Amino acid sequence: MPLPFESLSHGTVAFGFFNIVSDMLLLEHYFFFAEDFCTWLADMAEKEEISIETRWPVFDIPDRSDIGDLMGAIHGVHFSGFMGELYKKYPFPAHQEDFKQNPEGHDTRQIVEDIIAHYSFRRSIPVVLDGAKGEAAFAEYRFERSRFQALLSYVWQGGYPRWREGLRPASVARMKETVEAHPHGLFEKMVFP
């Protein structure tokens, strides 16, 4: 489930996984895969620079009605927009104990990309990790260091409800290892629970 995170720019924003079968993440209206997120961050950490700027290709759904009703889709009562179509394909588990993030979520990538293509457009967003200012920016969303690190921690843990059987995808493990090996800028003092 996406969780609320405090931003410097927009107050509380939603970030996280939203379907246990996919490894796709959302940041408000931007959608991207955890495998990419972890790879991008590991690559940035390897640069050993205090401040880093790059661009990430994401799916953008600026119209909230095209995103759909996550809670309605989870409860199986309202299947609108992208969320609705995704939950028709991959419904919420019947048993609460089965509510765990799938470490093989990357296997559904092409199917999820085909679904989101009907509701989104591709966009390249600027990403800035500014260690001097102690801020991270993903397009218009800005986070101070501890909130940025909380985003990484969330993905490491598998969000809520956590990774199934504590197993993590290789990209998530690589992100952790790389960040720990290059503790500079916004990655300094990063602790993975």
Protein backbone atom coordinates (compact mmCIF):
# COMPACT_ATOMS: atom_id res chain seq x y z
CA MET A 1 0.00 0.00 0.00
CA PRO A 2 1.22 3.51 -0.70
CA LEU A 3 1.96 5.41 2.49
CA PRO A 4 1.94 9.12 3.25
CA PHE A 5 5.34 10.81 3.20
CA GLU A 6 5.98 14.41 4.14
CA SER A 7 7.46 16.49 1.33
CA LEU A 8 9.00 19.95 1.42
CA SER A 9 7.02 21.05 -1.63
CA HIS A 10 3.53 19.53 -1.41
CA GLY A 11 2.90 18.55 2.20
CA THR A 12 1.87 14.91 2.54
CA VAL A 13 2.21 12.87 -0.65
CA ALA A 14 1.55 9.22 -1.49
CA PHE A 15 4.45 6.93 -2.36
CA GLY A 16 4.66 3.19 -2.67
CA PHE A 17 3.52 -0.13 -4.01
CA PHE A 18 -0.19 -0.44 -4.77
CA ASN A 19 -0.63 -4.01 -6.02
CA ILE A 20 1.25 -7.00 -4.56
CA VAL A 21 1.61 -8.80 -7.90
CA SER A 22 3.46 -5.91 -9.58
CA ASP A 23 6.61 -4.13 -8.47
CA MET A 24 5.29 -0.80 -9.75
CA LEU A 25 5.52 2.20 -7.44
CA LEU A 26 3.70 5.50 -7.48
CA LEU A 27 4.66 8.97 -6.36
CA GLU A 28 1.34 10.83 -6.52
CA HIS A 29 0.67 10.77 -10.30
CA TYR A 30 4.05 9.39 -11.45
CA PHE A 31 4.41 5.62 -11.88
CA PHE A 32 7.62 3.61 -12.28
CA PHE A 33 8.88 0.14 -11.46
CA ALA A 34 10.79 -0.64 -8.26
CA GLU A 35 13.40 -2.48 -10.31
CA ASP A 36 14.12 0.77 -12.20
CA PHE A 37 13.91 2.96 -9.08
CA CYS A 38 16.49 0.80 -7.29
CA THR A 39 18.77 0.62 -10.34
CA TRP A 40 18.61 4.39 -10.88
CA LEU A 41 19.41 5.10 -7.23
CA ALA A 42 22.26 2.58 -7.13
CA ASP A 43 23.73 4.16 -10.27
CA MET A 44 23.47 7.61 -8.66
CA ALA A 45 25.13 6.38 -5.47
CA GLU A 46 28.05 4.98 -7.46
CA LYS A 47 28.83 8.44 -8.85
CA GLU A 48 30.35 9.49 -5.51
CA GLU A 49 29.19 13.08 -6.07
CA ILE A 50 27.59 15.28 -3.41
CA SER A 51 24.98 16.58 -5.85
CA ILE A 52 23.67 14.59 -8.79
CA GLU A 53 21.18 15.51 -11.53
CA THR A 54 19.61 13.12 -14.00
CA ARG A 55 16.29 12.33 -15.68
CA TRP A 56 14.05 9.30 -15.19
CA PRO A 57 11.48 7.99 -17.70
CA VAL A 58 8.16 7.51 -15.89
CA PHE A 59 4.49 6.99 -16.63
CA ASP A 60 2.45 10.08 -15.81
CA ILE A 61 -1.30 10.00 -15.10
CA PRO A 62 -2.12 13.64 -14.36
CA ASP A 63 -5.91 13.09 -14.30
CA ARG A 64 -6.89 11.44 -10.99
CA SER A 65 -9.94 9.83 -12.59
CA ASP A 66 -7.57 7.96 -14.94
CA ILE A 67 -5.61 6.71 -11.92
CA GLY A 68 -8.81 5.23 -10.50
CA ASP A 69 -10.05 4.31 -7.06
CA LEU A 70 -7.43 2.20 -5.24
CA MET A 71 -9.57 1.41 -2.20
CA GLY A 72 -12.60 0.61 -4.36
CA ALA A 73 -10.47 -1.73 -6.50
CA ILE A 74 -8.92 -3.40 -3.43
CA HIS A 75 -12.39 -4.07 -2.00
CA GLY A 76 -13.67 -5.23 -5.40
CA VAL A 77 -16.47 -2.65 -5.57
CA HIS A 78 -15.21 0.02 -7.97
CA PHE A 79 -12.95 -0.77 -10.91
CA SER A 80 -12.22 2.57 -12.53
CA GLY A 81 -9.10 3.81 -14.28
CA PHE A 82 -5.69 2.19 -14.20
CA MET A 83 -6.09 0.86 -10.65
CA GLY A 84 -9.40 -0.74 -11.50
CA GLU A 85 -8.10 -2.47 -14.59
CA LEU A 86 -5.00 -3.68 -12.75
CA TYR A 87 -7.09 -5.08 -9.87
CA LYS A 88 -9.41 -6.85 -12.31
CA LYS A 89 -6.32 -8.64 -13.63
CA TYR A 90 -4.63 -9.09 -10.23
CA PRO A 91 -7.27 -8.90 -7.46
CA PHE A 92 -6.57 -8.35 -3.80
CA PRO A 93 -5.91 -11.73 -2.12
CA ALA A 94 -8.88 -13.47 -0.52
CA HIS A 95 -6.92 -14.20 2.67
CA GLN A 96 -5.14 -11.48 4.66
CA GLU A 97 -2.12 -13.75 5.28
CA ASP A 98 -1.53 -13.78 1.49
CA PHE A 99 -1.17 -9.98 1.44
CA LYS A 100 2.60 -9.82 0.87
CA GLN A 101 4.60 -8.00 -1.80
CA ASN A 102 5.72 -10.43 -4.49
CA PRO A 103 9.53 -10.45 -4.90
CA GLU A 104 8.97 -11.65 -8.49
CA GLY A 105 6.75 -8.66 -9.27
CA HIS A 106 9.07 -7.70 -12.10
CA ASP A 107 7.74 -10.75 -14.00
CA THR A 108 4.42 -8.95 -14.60
CA ARG A 109 6.08 -5.82 -15.98
CA GLN A 110 4.99 -6.14 -19.61
CA ILE A 111 1.39 -6.83 -18.63
CA VAL A 112 1.33 -3.84 -16.28
CA GLU A 113 2.98 -1.63 -18.92
CA ASP A 114 0.30 -2.66 -21.44
CA ILE A 115 -2.44 -1.70 -18.97
CA ILE A 116 -0.96 1.63 -17.86
CA ALA A 117 -0.29 2.65 -21.48
CA HIS A 118 -4.05 3.24 -21.90
CA TYR A 119 -4.15 5.77 -19.06
CA SER A 120 -0.76 7.51 -19.05
CA PHE A 121 1.86 9.15 -21.16
CA ARG A 122 5.62 8.68 -20.92
CA ARG A 123 7.51 11.57 -19.46
CA SER A 124 11.13 12.20 -18.53
CA ILE A 125 11.27 13.88 -15.12
CA PRO A 126 14.25 15.67 -13.58
CA VAL A 127 15.72 14.02 -10.49
CA VAL A 128 18.13 15.95 -8.30
CA LEU A 129 19.93 14.63 -5.23
CA ASP A 130 21.45 17.74 -3.68
CA GLY A 131 23.66 16.71 -0.79
CA ALA A 132 24.76 20.30 -0.15
CA LYS A 133 21.16 21.44 0.43
CA GLY A 134 20.11 18.11 1.97
CA GLU A 135 17.24 17.72 -0.50
CA ALA A 136 16.04 15.29 -3.13
CA ALA A 137 13.67 16.33 -5.92
CA PHE A 138 11.65 14.04 -8.16
CA ALA A 139 10.13 16.47 -10.69
CA GLU A 140 8.07 18.89 -8.57
CA TYR A 141 8.21 16.80 -5.37
CA ARG A 142 10.99 17.76 -2.95
CA PHE A 143 12.05 15.83 0.16
CA GLU A 144 14.55 16.57 2.89
CA ARG A 145 17.26 13.97 3.54
CA SER A 146 15.47 11.85 6.18
CA ARG A 147 12.25 11.68 4.11
CA PHE A 148 14.25 10.75 1.00
CA GLN A 149 15.93 7.99 2.97
CA ALA A 150 12.50 6.87 4.23
CA LEU A 151 11.46 6.28 0.59
CA LEU A 152 14.45 3.97 0.09
CA SER A 153 13.74 2.22 3.37
CA TYR A 154 10.11 1.67 2.35
CA VAL A 155 11.18 -0.07 -0.88
CA TRP A 156 13.84 -2.10 0.95
CA GLN A 157 11.18 -3.38 3.38
CA GLY A 158 8.64 -4.13 0.65
CA GLY A 159 6.35 -1.34 1.79
CA TYR A 160 3.28 -2.37 3.65
CA PRO A 161 2.79 -5.42 3.81
CA ARG A 162 6.54 -6.25 3.37
CA TRP A 163 8.24 -8.69 0.99
CA ARG A 164 6.79 -12.20 0.90
CA GLU A 165 8.91 -14.51 3.08
CA GLY A 166 11.43 -11.68 3.52
CA LEU A 167 12.77 -12.28 -0.01
CA ARG A 168 13.84 -9.22 -1.97
CA PRO A 169 14.44 -8.77 -5.69
CA ALA A 170 18.08 -8.54 -6.79
CA SER A 171 17.65 -4.86 -7.74
CA VAL A 172 16.54 -4.00 -4.19
CA ALA A 173 19.49 -5.87 -2.67
CA ARG A 174 21.88 -4.12 -5.10
CA MET A 175 20.46 -0.70 -4.15
CA LYS A 176 21.13 -1.38 -0.46
CA GLU A 177 24.63 -2.74 -1.06
CA THR A 178 25.58 0.15 -3.34
CA VAL A 179 24.21 2.86 -1.05
CA GLU A 180 26.01 1.32 1.93
CA ALA A 181 29.25 1.13 -0.08
CA HIS A 182 28.97 4.80 -1.16
CA PRO A 183 27.68 6.74 1.88
CA HIS A 184 27.93 10.27 0.49
CA GLY A 185 25.56 13.17 -0.10
CA LEU A 186 21.96 12.20 0.60
CA PHE A 187 23.02 8.57 1.08
CA GLU A 188 25.18 9.49 4.09
CA LYS A 189 24.09 7.73 7.30
CA MET A 190 21.43 5.74 5.43
CA VAL A 191 20.26 2.83 7.58
CA PHE A 192 18.24 0.00 6.08
CA PRO A 193 16.04 -1.65 8.76
